[in-house]
Amino acid sequence: MRFYSAQDVDAALTFPTLVEALASAFSGGMTAPKRHHHPFERAGGPAGTHLLMPAWTDGVDGHIGVKIVNVIPDNGQRGLAAVQGAYVLQSATTGQTLAVLDGLRLTQWRTAAASALAARYLARPDARKLLLVGAGALAPFLARAHASQRPIDFVEVWNHRADNARKLADALNAQGLRARATEHLQEAVREADIISCATLSNHALIAGAWLQPGQHVDLVGAFNLQMREVDDVALKRARLYIDTPAALTEGGDVALGLQSGAIAASDVVADLAALVAGAPARSDAREITLFKSVGAAIEDLAAAMLVVRRSDAA
């Protein structure tokens, strides 16, 4: 059994290869039951969330994997990412544990790659300006992932703490992505081609009235029903997509819009599996598209298998 650190995961993965691995996973050959989702109280802080996310490959000589995740909303005050966890990869033939991977880093890679896979179908091919709403640990991965699928040449960063937006913009510039921080969210939304939100906001940050024809909205945060990143107007104006059917009942935004009656289930055009299989995607250059992600266990399994395979081949 081998342990793969965050550095090992980084060394093994690139976004073009991971996006292709996720496309293959959503094409079939993997099974993922409903994840276990348990809130728990914490002394002196907001409630946390404990998740167990199993998946396995179909057929012989396959793999079984499970991600053990804890979401701690106030971890930013400790200088830690909100999402913490580990991934255990096992043989479906013998049941032996093959590897344990850094769960946070695996989550960052696969979450960003899923957004990029959706953008392959939903963002305009000429999308060049990306707005990151939120400057947490996931944000730089989202920037690189989207840039792997679209010709992104400028990244704007907004965060409720302006200093963190400036730090992220500096880091992206150092990585070769032209970026700057902004404190003017409405203006930044109006000017972006792709708007990628990864926050823990309890209220809508993006007003639907701000959206412009041709934009793609990527919603990654709002992981429970108390959180929200866009308002109902945004949902009504956009052509809606989700990563898995779990997004209809879990997470904010789409699930909350369904609960309130602002949108109907029939307004959701397709999930990632259907998109990969050829479901209708963006229909014209002026359409507004919106993708809501809540995470999928097959993404973790596909990413973990890719890490091990590429590491063994190195």
C-alpha atoms as a PDB file:
ATOM      1  CA  MET A   1       0.000   0.000   0.000  1.00  0.00           C
ATOM      2  CA  ARG A   2       1.267   3.444  -0.893  1.00  0.00           C
ATOM      3  CA  PHE A   3       0.336   6.865   0.410  1.00  0.00           C
ATOM      4  CA  TYR A   4       0.042   9.624  -2.184  1.00  0.00           C
ATOM      5  CA  SER A   5       0.598  13.091  -0.754  1.00  0.00           C
ATOM      6  CA  ALA A   6      -0.750  16.334  -2.197  1.00  0.00           C
ATOM      7  CA  GLN A   7       2.588  16.742  -3.971  1.00  0.00           C
ATOM      8  CA  ASP A   8       2.288  13.234  -5.464  1.00  0.00           C
ATOM      9  CA  VAL A   9      -1.214  14.026  -6.742  1.00  0.00           C
ATOM     10  CA  ASP A  10       0.029  17.279  -8.277  1.00  0.00           C
ATOM     11  CA  ALA A  11       2.909  15.498  -9.983  1.00  0.00           C
ATOM     12  CA  ALA A  12       0.635  12.848 -11.494  1.00  0.00           C
ATOM     13  CA  LEU A  13      -2.215  14.965 -12.845  1.00  0.00           C
ATOM     14  CA  THR A  14      -2.776  17.521 -15.571  1.00  0.00           C
ATOM     15  CA  PHE A  15      -6.147  19.016 -16.322  1.00  0.00           C
ATOM     16  CA  PRO A  16      -6.327  17.846 -19.947  1.00  0.00           C
ATOM     17  CA  THR A  17      -5.749  14.230 -18.892  1.00  0.00           C
ATOM     18  CA  LEU A  18      -8.048  14.428 -15.880  1.00  0.00           C
ATOM     19  CA  VAL A  19     -10.900  16.032 -17.834  1.00  0.00           C
ATOM     20  CA  GLU A  20     -10.635  13.176 -20.338  1.00  0.00           C
ATOM     21  CA  ALA A  21     -10.653  10.626 -17.489  1.00  0.00           C
ATOM     22  CA  LEU A  22     -13.828  12.182 -16.073  1.00  0.00           C
ATOM     23  CA  ALA A  23     -15.458  12.191 -19.503  1.00  0.00           C
ATOM     24  CA  SER A  24     -14.706   8.469 -19.751  1.00  0.00           C
ATOM     25  CA  ALA A  25     -16.040   7.842 -16.222  1.00  0.00           C
ATOM     26  CA  PHE A  26     -19.312   9.625 -16.985  1.00  0.00           C
ATOM     27  CA  SER A  27     -19.618   7.564 -20.168  1.00  0.00           C
ATOM     28  CA  GLY A  28     -20.180   4.447 -18.043  1.00  0.00           C
ATOM     29  CA  GLY A  29     -18.356   1.591 -16.363  1.00  0.00           C
ATOM     30  CA  MET A  30     -18.568   2.903 -12.815  1.00  0.00           C
ATOM     31  CA  THR A  31     -21.198   2.631 -10.092  1.00  0.00           C
ATOM     32  CA  ALA A  32     -21.724   5.062  -7.222  1.00  0.00           C
ATOM     33  CA  PRO A  33     -24.474   4.636  -4.621  1.00  0.00           C
ATOM     34  CA  LYS A  34     -25.959   7.607  -2.829  1.00  0.00           C
ATOM     35  CA  ARG A  35     -23.378   9.179  -0.583  1.00  0.00           C
ATOM     36  CA  HIS A  36     -23.721   9.305   3.178  1.00  0.00           C
ATOM     37  CA  HIS A  37     -24.203  12.910   4.299  1.00  0.00           C
ATOM     38  CA  HIS A  38     -24.153  13.634   8.050  1.00  0.00           C
ATOM     39  CA  PRO A  39     -24.154  17.061   9.737  1.00  0.00           C
ATOM     40  CA  PHE A  40     -22.495  17.188  13.132  1.00  0.00           C
ATOM     41  CA  GLU A  41     -22.348  19.818  15.851  1.00  0.00           C
ATOM     42  CA  ARG A  42     -19.036  21.379  16.855  1.00  0.00           C
ATOM     43  CA  ALA A  43     -18.320  23.192  20.095  1.00  0.00           C
ATOM     44  CA  GLY A  44     -17.570  26.852  19.473  1.00  0.00           C
ATOM     45  CA  GLY A  45     -18.160  26.764  15.736  1.00  0.00           C
ATOM     46  CA  PRO A  46     -20.707  26.182  12.980  1.00  0.00           C
ATOM     47  CA  ALA A  47     -21.895  22.654  12.272  1.00  0.00           C
ATOM     48  CA  GLY A  48     -19.642  20.486  10.159  1.00  0.00           C
ATOM     49  CA  THR A  49     -20.531  17.907   7.525  1.00  0.00           C
ATOM     50  CA  HIS A  50     -19.198  14.341   7.339  1.00  0.00           C
ATOM     51  CA  LEU A  51     -19.494  12.542   4.004  1.00  0.00           C
ATOM     52  CA  LEU A  52     -18.707   9.036   2.808  1.00  0.00           C
ATOM     53  CA  MET A  53     -18.522   8.714  -0.984  1.00  0.00           C
ATOM     54  CA  PRO A  54     -18.060   5.159  -2.315  1.00  0.00           C
ATOM     55  CA  ALA A  55     -17.753   4.027  -5.928  1.00  0.00           C
ATOM     56  CA  TRP A  56     -16.483   1.024  -7.862  1.00  0.00           C
ATOM     57  CA  THR A  57     -15.681   0.006 -11.396  1.00  0.00           C
ATOM     58  CA  ASP A  58     -17.903  -2.527 -13.113  1.00  0.00           C
ATOM     59  CA  GLY A  59     -16.527  -5.855 -14.321  1.00  0.00           C
ATOM     60  CA  VAL A  60     -13.552  -7.950 -13.225  1.00  0.00           C
ATOM     61  CA  ASP A  61     -10.156  -6.780 -11.977  1.00  0.00           C
ATOM     62  CA  GLY A  62     -11.631  -3.450 -11.005  1.00  0.00           C
ATOM     63  CA  HIS A  63     -11.294  -0.989  -8.179  1.00  0.00           C
ATOM     64  CA  ILE A  64     -13.326   0.106  -5.186  1.00  0.00           C
ATOM     65  CA  GLY A  65     -12.795   3.509  -3.634  1.00  0.00           C
ATOM     66  CA  VAL A  66     -14.261   5.624  -0.885  1.00  0.00           C
ATOM     67  CA  LYS A  67     -13.625   9.210   0.040  1.00  0.00           C
ATOM     68  CA  ILE A  68     -13.967  10.189   3.685  1.00  0.00           C
ATOM     69  CA  VAL A  69     -14.643  13.901   3.851  1.00  0.00           C
ATOM     70  CA  ASN A  70     -15.180  16.495   6.560  1.00  0.00           C
ATOM     71  CA  VAL A  71     -16.357  19.995   5.663  1.00  0.00           C
ATOM     72  CA  ILE A  72     -15.482  22.523   8.371  1.00  0.00           C
ATOM     73  CA  PRO A  73     -16.872  25.963   7.389  1.00  0.00           C
ATOM     74  CA  ASP A  74     -14.684  28.040   9.736  1.00  0.00           C
ATOM     75  CA  ASN A  75     -11.378  26.391   8.802  1.00  0.00           C
ATOM     76  CA  GLY A  76     -10.338  29.542   6.970  1.00  0.00           C
ATOM     77  CA  GLN A  77      -9.776  31.152  10.368  1.00  0.00           C
ATOM     78  CA  ARG A  78      -7.203  28.425  11.040  1.00  0.00           C
ATOM     79  CA  GLY A  79      -5.469  28.846   7.705  1.00  0.00           C
ATOM     80  CA  LEU A  80      -6.951  25.537   6.517  1.00  0.00           C
ATOM     81  CA  ALA A  81      -9.188  24.574   3.611  1.00  0.00           C
ATOM     82  CA  ALA A  82     -12.833  23.943   4.500  1.00  0.00           C
ATOM     83  CA  VAL A  83     -12.710  20.470   2.924  1.00  0.00           C
ATOM     84  CA  GLN A  84     -10.499  17.833   4.570  1.00  0.00           C
ATOM     85  CA  GLY A  85     -10.340  14.107   3.987  1.00  0.00           C
ATOM     86  CA  ALA A  86      -8.676  10.997   2.634  1.00  0.00           C
ATOM     87  CA  TYR A  87      -9.295   8.638  -0.272  1.00  0.00           C
ATOM     88  CA  VAL A  88      -8.901   4.861   0.058  1.00  0.00           C
ATOM     89  CA  LEU A  89      -8.434   2.865  -3.155  1.00  0.00           C
ATOM     90  CA  GLN A  90      -8.860  -0.927  -3.013  1.00  0.00           C
ATOM     91  CA  SER A  91      -8.822  -3.926  -5.320  1.00  0.00           C
ATOM     92  CA  ALA A  92     -12.273  -5.182  -6.272  1.00  0.00           C
ATOM     93  CA  THR A  93     -10.722  -8.628  -6.823  1.00  0.00           C
ATOM     94  CA  THR A  94      -9.010  -9.186  -3.470  1.00  0.00           C
ATOM     95  CA  GLY A  95     -10.394  -6.365  -1.342  1.00  0.00           C
ATOM     96  CA  GLN A  96      -6.853  -5.300  -0.459  1.00  0.00           C
ATOM     97  CA  THR A  97      -6.098  -1.643   0.094  1.00  0.00           C
ATOM     98  CA  LEU A  98      -3.863  -0.435  -2.722  1.00  0.00           C
ATOM     99  CA  ALA A  99      -3.432   3.228  -1.891  1.00  0.00           C
ATOM    100  CA  VAL A 100      -4.443   6.085   0.355  1.00  0.00           C
ATOM    101  CA  LEU A 101      -4.474   9.520  -1.265  1.00  0.00           C
ATOM    102  CA  ASP A 102      -4.657  13.049   0.092  1.00  0.00           C
ATOM    103  CA  GLY A 103      -8.401  13.638  -0.062  1.00  0.00           C
ATOM    104  CA  LEU A 104      -8.265  17.428  -0.123  1.00  0.00           C
ATOM    105  CA  ARG A 105      -5.923  17.601  -3.103  1.00  0.00           C
ATOM    106  CA  LEU A 106      -7.840  14.899  -4.992  1.00  0.00           C
ATOM    107  CA  THR A 107     -11.077  16.827  -4.374  1.00  0.00           C
ATOM    108  CA  GLN A 108      -9.576  20.074  -5.619  1.00  0.00           C
ATOM    109  CA  TRP A 109      -8.390  18.479  -8.853  1.00  0.00           C
ATOM    110  CA  ARG A 110     -11.525  16.498  -9.635  1.00  0.00           C
ATOM    111  CA  THR A 111     -13.960  19.288  -8.707  1.00  0.00           C
ATOM    112  CA  ALA A 112     -12.217  21.763 -10.973  1.00  0.00           C
ATOM    113  CA  ALA A 113     -11.962  19.173 -13.736  1.00  0.00           C
ATOM    114  CA  ALA A 114     -15.708  18.479 -13.553  1.00  0.00           C
ATOM    115  CA  SER A 115     -16.402  22.191 -13.976  1.00  0.00           C
ATOM    116  CA  ALA A 116     -14.032  22.285 -16.939  1.00  0.00           C
ATOM    117  CA  LEU A 117     -15.705  19.232 -18.478  1.00  0.00           C
ATOM    118  CA  ALA A 118     -19.075  20.976 -18.220  1.00  0.00           C
ATOM    119  CA  ALA A 119     -17.603  24.156 -19.702  1.00  0.00           C
ATOM    120  CA  ARG A 120     -16.365  22.139 -22.680  1.00  0.00           C
ATOM    121  CA  TYR A 121     -20.022  21.735 -23.640  1.00  0.00           C
ATOM    122  CA  LEU A 122     -21.564  24.870 -22.154  1.00  0.00           C
ATOM    123  CA  ALA A 123     -19.119  27.796 -22.363  1.00  0.00           C
ATOM    124  CA  ARG A 124     -18.658  29.635 -25.643  1.00  0.00           C
ATOM    125  CA  PRO A 125     -15.617  28.325 -27.568  1.00  0.00           C
ATOM    126  CA  ASP A 126     -14.204  31.865 -27.616  1.00  0.00           C
ATOM    127  CA  ALA A 127     -14.599  32.461 -23.842  1.00  0.00           C
ATOM    128  CA  ARG A 128     -11.527  34.410 -22.764  1.00  0.00           C
ATOM    129  CA  LYS A 129     -12.359  36.218 -19.510  1.00  0.00           C
ATOM    130  CA  LEU A 130     -12.877  34.214 -16.319  1.00  0.00           C
ATOM    131  CA  LEU A 131     -14.253  35.621 -13.074  1.00  0.00           C
ATOM    132  CA  LEU A 132     -13.477  33.698  -9.899  1.00  0.00           C
ATOM    133  CA  VAL A 133     -15.941  34.443  -7.105  1.00  0.00           C
ATOM    134  CA  GLY A 134     -14.185  33.215  -3.987  1.00  0.00           C
ATOM    135  CA  ALA A 135     -10.444  32.991  -3.382  1.00  0.00           C
ATOM    136  CA  GLY A 136     -10.259  29.806  -1.327  1.00  0.00           C
ATOM    137  CA  ALA A 137      -8.118  26.732  -1.841  1.00  0.00           C
ATOM    138  CA  LEU A 138     -10.169  25.522  -4.832  1.00  0.00           C
ATOM    139  CA  ALA A 139     -10.020  28.780  -6.802  1.00  0.00           C
ATOM    140  CA  PRO A 140      -6.567  28.385  -8.433  1.00  0.00           C
ATOM    141  CA  PHE A 141      -7.512  24.879  -9.567  1.00  0.00           C
ATOM    142  CA  LEU A 142     -10.671  26.238 -11.187  1.00  0.00           C
ATOM    143  CA  ALA A 143      -8.635  28.863 -13.016  1.00  0.00           C
ATOM    144  CA  ARG A 144      -6.216  26.303 -14.449  1.00  0.00           C
ATOM    145  CA  ALA A 145      -8.994  23.821 -15.244  1.00  0.00           C
ATOM    146  CA  HIS A 146     -11.084  26.315 -17.212  1.00  0.00           C
ATOM    147  CA  ALA A 147      -7.956  27.552 -18.995  1.00  0.00           C
ATOM    148  CA  SER A 148      -7.311  23.968 -20.139  1.00  0.00           C
ATOM    149  CA  GLN A 149     -10.607  23.903 -22.073  1.00  0.00           C
ATOM    150  CA  ARG A 150     -11.136  27.487 -23.211  1.00  0.00           C
ATOM    151  CA  PRO A 151      -8.726  30.236 -24.393  1.00  0.00           C
ATOM    152  CA  ILE A 152      -8.751  32.078 -21.047  1.00  0.00           C
ATOM    153  CA  ASP A 153      -6.351  35.007 -21.191  1.00  0.00           C
ATOM    154  CA  PHE A 154      -7.569  37.080 -18.229  1.00  0.00           C
ATOM    155  CA  VAL A 155      -8.782  36.127 -14.760  1.00  0.00           C
ATOM    156  CA  GLU A 156     -10.521  38.501 -12.389  1.00  0.00           C
ATOM    157  CA  VAL A 157     -10.855  37.568  -8.713  1.00  0.00           C
ATOM    158  CA  TRP A 158     -13.466  38.742  -6.223  1.00  0.00           C
ATOM    159  CA  ASN A 159     -13.568  37.663  -2.597  1.00  0.00           C
ATOM    160  CA  HIS A 160     -15.416  38.954   0.441  1.00  0.00           C
ATOM    161  CA  ARG A 161     -11.974  39.524   1.965  1.00  0.00           C
ATOM    162  CA  ALA A 162     -10.231  41.716  -0.595  1.00  0.00           C
ATOM    163  CA  ASP A 163      -6.729  40.832   0.643  1.00  0.00           C
ATOM    164  CA  ASN A 164      -7.270  37.195  -0.255  1.00  0.00           C
ATOM    165  CA  ALA A 165      -8.411  38.163  -3.748  1.00  0.00           C
ATOM    166  CA  ARG A 166      -5.211  40.146  -4.235  1.00  0.00           C
ATOM    167  CA  LYS A 167      -3.072  37.252  -2.981  1.00  0.00           C
ATOM    168  CA  LEU A 168      -4.727  34.834  -5.385  1.00  0.00           C
ATOM    169  CA  ALA A 169      -4.369  37.237  -8.313  1.00  0.00           C
ATOM    170  CA  ASP A 170      -0.653  37.576  -7.519  1.00  0.00           C
ATOM    171  CA  ALA A 171      -0.286  33.788  -7.379  1.00  0.00           C
ATOM    172  CA  LEU A 172      -2.067  33.321 -10.714  1.00  0.00           C
ATOM    173  CA  ASN A 173       0.135  35.959 -12.318  1.00  0.00           C
ATOM    174  CA  ALA A 174       3.177  34.096 -11.021  1.00  0.00           C
ATOM    175  CA  GLN A 175       1.826  30.926 -12.682  1.00  0.00           C
ATOM    176  CA  GLY A 176       1.489  32.680 -16.030  1.00  0.00           C
ATOM    177  CA  LEU A 177      -2.238  33.484 -15.949  1.00  0.00           C
ATOM    178  CA  ARG A 178      -2.861  37.226 -16.307  1.00  0.00           C
ATOM    179  CA  ALA A 179      -5.029  38.159 -13.313  1.00  0.00           C
ATOM    180  CA  ARG A 180      -6.173  41.009 -11.098  1.00  0.00           C
ATOM    181  CA  ALA A 181      -8.337  41.411  -8.006  1.00  0.00           C
ATOM    182  CA  THR A 182     -11.527  43.455  -8.011  1.00  0.00           C
ATOM    183  CA  GLU A 183     -13.810  44.805  -5.315  1.00  0.00           C
ATOM    184  CA  HIS A 184     -16.631  45.529  -7.784  1.00  0.00           C
ATOM    185  CA  LEU A 185     -18.518  42.262  -8.152  1.00  0.00           C
ATOM    186  CA  GLN A 186     -21.447  43.509 -10.242  1.00  0.00           C
ATOM    187  CA  GLU A 187     -19.164  45.109 -12.801  1.00  0.00           C
ATOM    188  CA  ALA A 188     -16.932  42.034 -12.931  1.00  0.00           C
ATOM    189  CA  VAL A 189     -19.924  39.733 -13.473  1.00  0.00           C
ATOM    190  CA  ARG A 190     -21.199  41.844 -16.352  1.00  0.00           C
ATOM    191  CA  GLU A 191     -17.818  41.701 -18.119  1.00  0.00           C
ATOM    192  CA  ALA A 192     -16.969  37.996 -17.692  1.00  0.00           C
ATOM    193  CA  ASP A 193     -17.383  35.165 -20.181  1.00  0.00           C
ATOM    194  CA  ILE A 194     -17.259  32.457 -17.497  1.00  0.00           C
ATOM    195  CA  ILE A 195     -18.244  33.083 -13.871  1.00  0.00           C
ATOM    196  CA  SER A 196     -16.968  30.392 -11.512  1.00  0.00           C
ATOM    197  CA  CYS A 197     -18.225  30.552  -7.908  1.00  0.00           C
ATOM    198  CA  ALA A 198     -16.637  28.523  -5.105  1.00  0.00           C
ATOM    199  CA  THR A 199     -17.798  30.055  -1.833  1.00  0.00           C
ATOM    200  CA  LEU A 200     -19.453  29.184   1.453  1.00  0.00           C
ATOM    201  CA  SER A 201     -21.940  32.038   1.141  1.00  0.00           C
ATOM    202  CA  ASN A 202     -25.281  31.815   2.951  1.00  0.00           C
ATOM    203  CA  HIS A 203     -26.891  34.295   0.562  1.00  0.00           C
ATOM    204  CA  ALA A 204     -26.929  34.865  -3.183  1.00  0.00           C
ATOM    205  CA  LEU A 205     -23.831  36.726  -4.357  1.00  0.00           C
ATOM    206  CA  ILE A 206     -24.715  36.878  -8.053  1.00  0.00           C
ATOM    207  CA  ALA A 207     -27.921  38.623  -9.134  1.00  0.00           C
ATOM    208  CA  GLY A 208     -29.539  37.262 -12.251  1.00  0.00           C
ATOM    209  CA  ALA A 209     -30.134  40.799 -13.469  1.00  0.00           C
ATOM    210  CA  TRP A 210     -26.349  41.203 -13.823  1.00  0.00           C
ATOM    211  CA  LEU A 211     -25.919  38.313 -16.248  1.00  0.00           C
ATOM    212  CA  GLN A 212     -25.212  39.032 -19.897  1.00  0.00           C
ATOM    213  CA  PRO A 213     -26.009  37.047 -23.070  1.00  0.00           C
ATOM    214  CA  GLY A 214     -23.460  34.355 -23.854  1.00  0.00           C
ATOM    215  CA  GLN A 215     -22.158  33.845 -20.321  1.00  0.00           C
ATOM    216  CA  HIS A 216     -21.544  30.533 -18.581  1.00  0.00           C
ATOM    217  CA  VAL A 217     -22.060  30.315 -14.807  1.00  0.00           C
ATOM    218  CA  ASP A 218     -20.209  27.591 -12.887  1.00  0.00           C
ATOM    219  CA  LEU A 219     -21.485  27.003  -9.331  1.00  0.00           C
ATOM    220  CA  VAL A 220     -19.227  24.881  -7.138  1.00  0.00           C
ATOM    221  CA  GLY A 221     -19.885  26.124  -3.599  1.00  0.00           C
ATOM    222  CA  ALA A 222     -23.177  26.162  -1.658  1.00  0.00           C
ATOM    223  CA  PHE A 223     -22.853  22.514  -0.625  1.00  0.00           C
ATOM    224  CA  ASN A 224     -25.916  22.484   1.645  1.00  0.00           C
ATOM    225  CA  LEU A 225     -29.452  23.875   1.621  1.00  0.00           C
ATOM    226  CA  GLN A 226     -28.494  26.815   3.838  1.00  0.00           C
ATOM    227  CA  MET A 227     -26.074  28.177   1.233  1.00  0.00           C
ATOM    228  CA  ARG A 228     -26.609  30.093  -1.984  1.00  0.00           C
ATOM    229  CA  GLU A 229     -24.448  31.666  -4.710  1.00  0.00           C
ATOM    230  CA  VAL A 230     -27.020  32.934  -7.259  1.00  0.00           C
ATOM    231  CA  ASP A 231     -30.595  34.152  -6.949  1.00  0.00           C
ATOM    232  CA  ASP A 232     -33.762  32.758  -8.514  1.00  0.00           C
ATOM    233  CA  VAL A 233     -33.599  35.262 -11.377  1.00  0.00           C
ATOM    234  CA  ALA A 234     -30.277  33.748 -12.469  1.00  0.00           C
ATOM    235  CA  LEU A 235     -31.829  30.276 -12.460  1.00  0.00           C
ATOM    236  CA  LYS A 236     -34.785  31.481 -14.518  1.00  0.00           C
ATOM    237  CA  ARG A 237     -32.629  33.259 -17.095  1.00  0.00           C
ATOM    238  CA  ALA A 238     -30.190  30.393 -17.659  1.00  0.00           C
ATOM    239  CA  ARG A 239     -30.250  27.024 -19.394  1.00  0.00           C
ATOM    240  CA  LEU A 240     -29.650  24.727 -16.418  1.00  0.00           C
ATOM    241  CA  TYR A 241     -27.296  21.759 -16.042  1.00  0.00           C
ATOM    242  CA  ILE A 242     -26.104  19.684 -13.066  1.00  0.00           C
ATOM    243  CA  ASP A 243     -23.278  17.239 -12.402  1.00  0.00           C
ATOM    244  CA  THR A 244     -25.476  14.424 -11.025  1.00  0.00           C
ATOM    245  CA  PRO A 245     -29.128  14.049  -9.968  1.00  0.00           C
ATOM    246  CA  ALA A 246     -27.990  14.679  -6.368  1.00  0.00           C
ATOM    247  CA  ALA A 247     -27.870  18.382  -7.248  1.00  0.00           C
ATOM    248  CA  LEU A 248     -31.664  18.360  -7.426  1.00  0.00           C
ATOM    249  CA  THR A 249     -31.908  17.740  -3.678  1.00  0.00           C
ATOM    250  CA  GLU A 250     -28.496  18.597  -2.214  1.00  0.00           C
ATOM    251  CA  GLY A 251     -26.643  21.877  -2.146  1.00  0.00           C
ATOM    252  CA  GLY A 252     -28.024  25.334  -2.636  1.00  0.00           C
ATOM    253  CA  ASP A 253     -29.103  27.134  -5.800  1.00  0.00           C
ATOM    254  CA  VAL A 254     -30.803  24.544  -8.052  1.00  0.00           C
ATOM    255  CA  ALA A 255     -32.211  22.480  -5.169  1.00  0.00           C
ATOM    256  CA  LEU A 256     -33.475  25.639  -3.443  1.00  0.00           C
ATOM    257  CA  GLY A 257     -34.994  26.917  -6.676  1.00  0.00           C
ATOM    258  CA  LEU A 258     -36.866  23.656  -7.044  1.00  0.00           C
ATOM    259  CA  GLN A 259     -38.064  23.799  -3.441  1.00  0.00           C
ATOM    260  CA  SER A 260     -39.390  27.337  -3.815  1.00  0.00           C
ATOM    261  CA  GLY A 261     -41.038  26.670  -7.161  1.00  0.00           C
ATOM    262  CA  ALA A 262     -38.884  29.245  -8.952  1.00  0.00           C
ATOM    263  CA  ILE A 263     -37.869  26.510 -11.397  1.00  0.00           C
ATOM    264  CA  ALA A 264     -39.180  23.049 -12.240  1.00  0.00           C
ATOM    265  CA  ALA A 265     -37.264  19.809 -12.617  1.00  0.00           C
ATOM    266  CA  SER A 266     -38.028  19.969 -16.338  1.00  0.00           C
ATOM    267  CA  ASP A 267     -35.967  23.172 -16.528  1.00  0.00           C
ATOM    268  CA  VAL A 268     -32.804  21.150 -15.862  1.00  0.00           C
ATOM    269  CA  VAL A 269     -31.642  20.086 -19.308  1.00  0.00           C
ATOM    270  CA  ALA A 270     -29.064  17.412 -18.480  1.00  0.00           C
ATOM    271  CA  ASP A 271     -26.406  16.140 -16.093  1.00  0.00           C
ATOM    272  CA  LEU A 272     -22.763  15.462 -16.958  1.00  0.00           C
ATOM    273  CA  ALA A 273     -23.374  11.854 -17.985  1.00  0.00           C
ATOM    274  CA  ALA A 274     -26.062  12.976 -20.417  1.00  0.00           C
ATOM    275  CA  LEU A 275     -23.899  15.802 -21.770  1.00  0.00           C
ATOM    276  CA  VAL A 276     -21.042  13.402 -22.453  1.00  0.00           C
ATOM    277  CA  ALA A 277     -23.533  11.065 -24.149  1.00  0.00           C
ATOM    278  CA  GLY A 278     -24.708  13.817 -26.507  1.00  0.00           C
ATOM    279  CA  ALA A 279     -27.539  15.636 -24.711  1.00  0.00           C
ATOM    280  CA  PRO A 280     -28.307  19.176 -25.942  1.00  0.00           C
ATOM    281  CA  ALA A 281     -25.629  21.634 -24.811  1.00  0.00           C
ATOM    282  CA  ARG A 282     -25.227  25.339 -25.584  1.00  0.00           C
ATOM    283  CA  SER A 283     -27.438  26.129 -28.555  1.00  0.00           C
ATOM    284  CA  ASP A 284     -26.193  29.587 -29.560  1.00  0.00           C
ATOM    285  CA  ALA A 285     -23.655  32.262 -28.682  1.00  0.00           C
ATOM    286  CA  ARG A 286     -26.134  34.443 -26.780  1.00  0.00           C
ATOM    287  CA  GLU A 287     -27.544  31.795 -24.483  1.00  0.00           C
ATOM    288  CA  ILE A 288     -26.786  31.937 -20.741  1.00  0.00           C
ATOM    289  CA  THR A 289     -25.805  28.523 -19.358  1.00  0.00           C
ATOM    290  CA  LEU A 290     -25.505  27.491 -15.706  1.00  0.00           C
ATOM    291  CA  PHE A 291     -23.861  24.393 -14.230  1.00  0.00           C
ATOM    292  CA  LYS A 292     -24.366  23.361 -10.592  1.00  0.00           C
ATOM    293  CA  SER A 293     -21.898  20.893  -9.082  1.00  0.00           C
ATOM    294  CA  VAL A 294     -22.294  18.986  -5.815  1.00  0.00           C
ATOM    295  CA  GLY A 295     -19.563  16.407  -6.451  1.00  0.00           C
ATOM    296  CA  ALA A 296     -19.663  12.797  -7.587  1.00  0.00           C
ATOM    297  CA  ALA A 297     -17.918   9.724  -6.214  1.00  0.00           C
ATOM    298  CA  ILE A 298     -17.067   8.460  -9.693  1.00  0.00           C
ATOM    299  CA  GLU A 299     -15.000  11.624 -10.190  1.00  0.00           C
ATOM    300  CA  ASP A 300     -12.919  10.726  -7.128  1.00  0.00           C
ATOM    301  CA  LEU A 301     -12.466   7.127  -8.252  1.00  0.00           C
ATOM    302  CA  ALA A 302     -11.461   8.133 -11.782  1.00  0.00           C
ATOM    303  CA  ALA A 303      -8.983  10.689 -10.430  1.00  0.00           C
ATOM    304  CA  ALA A 304      -7.488   8.280  -7.878  1.00  0.00           C
ATOM    305  CA  MET A 305      -7.047   5.556 -10.493  1.00  0.00           C
ATOM    306  CA  LEU A 306      -5.364   8.070 -12.813  1.00  0.00           C
ATOM    307  CA  VAL A 307      -2.960   9.191 -10.078  1.00  0.00           C
ATOM    308  CA  VAL A 308      -1.908   5.613  -9.328  1.00  0.00           C
ATOM    309  CA  ARG A 309      -1.619   4.651 -13.010  1.00  0.00           C
ATOM    310  CA  ARG A 310       0.456   7.680 -13.996  1.00  0.00           C
ATOM    311  CA  SER A 311       2.647   7.398 -10.895  1.00  0.00           C
ATOM    312  CA  ASP A 312       3.367   3.727 -11.606  1.00  0.00           C
ATOM    313  CA  ALA A 313       4.256   4.561 -15.206  1.00  0.00           C
ATOM    314  CA  ALA A 314       6.623   7.364 -14.228  1.00  0.00           C
END
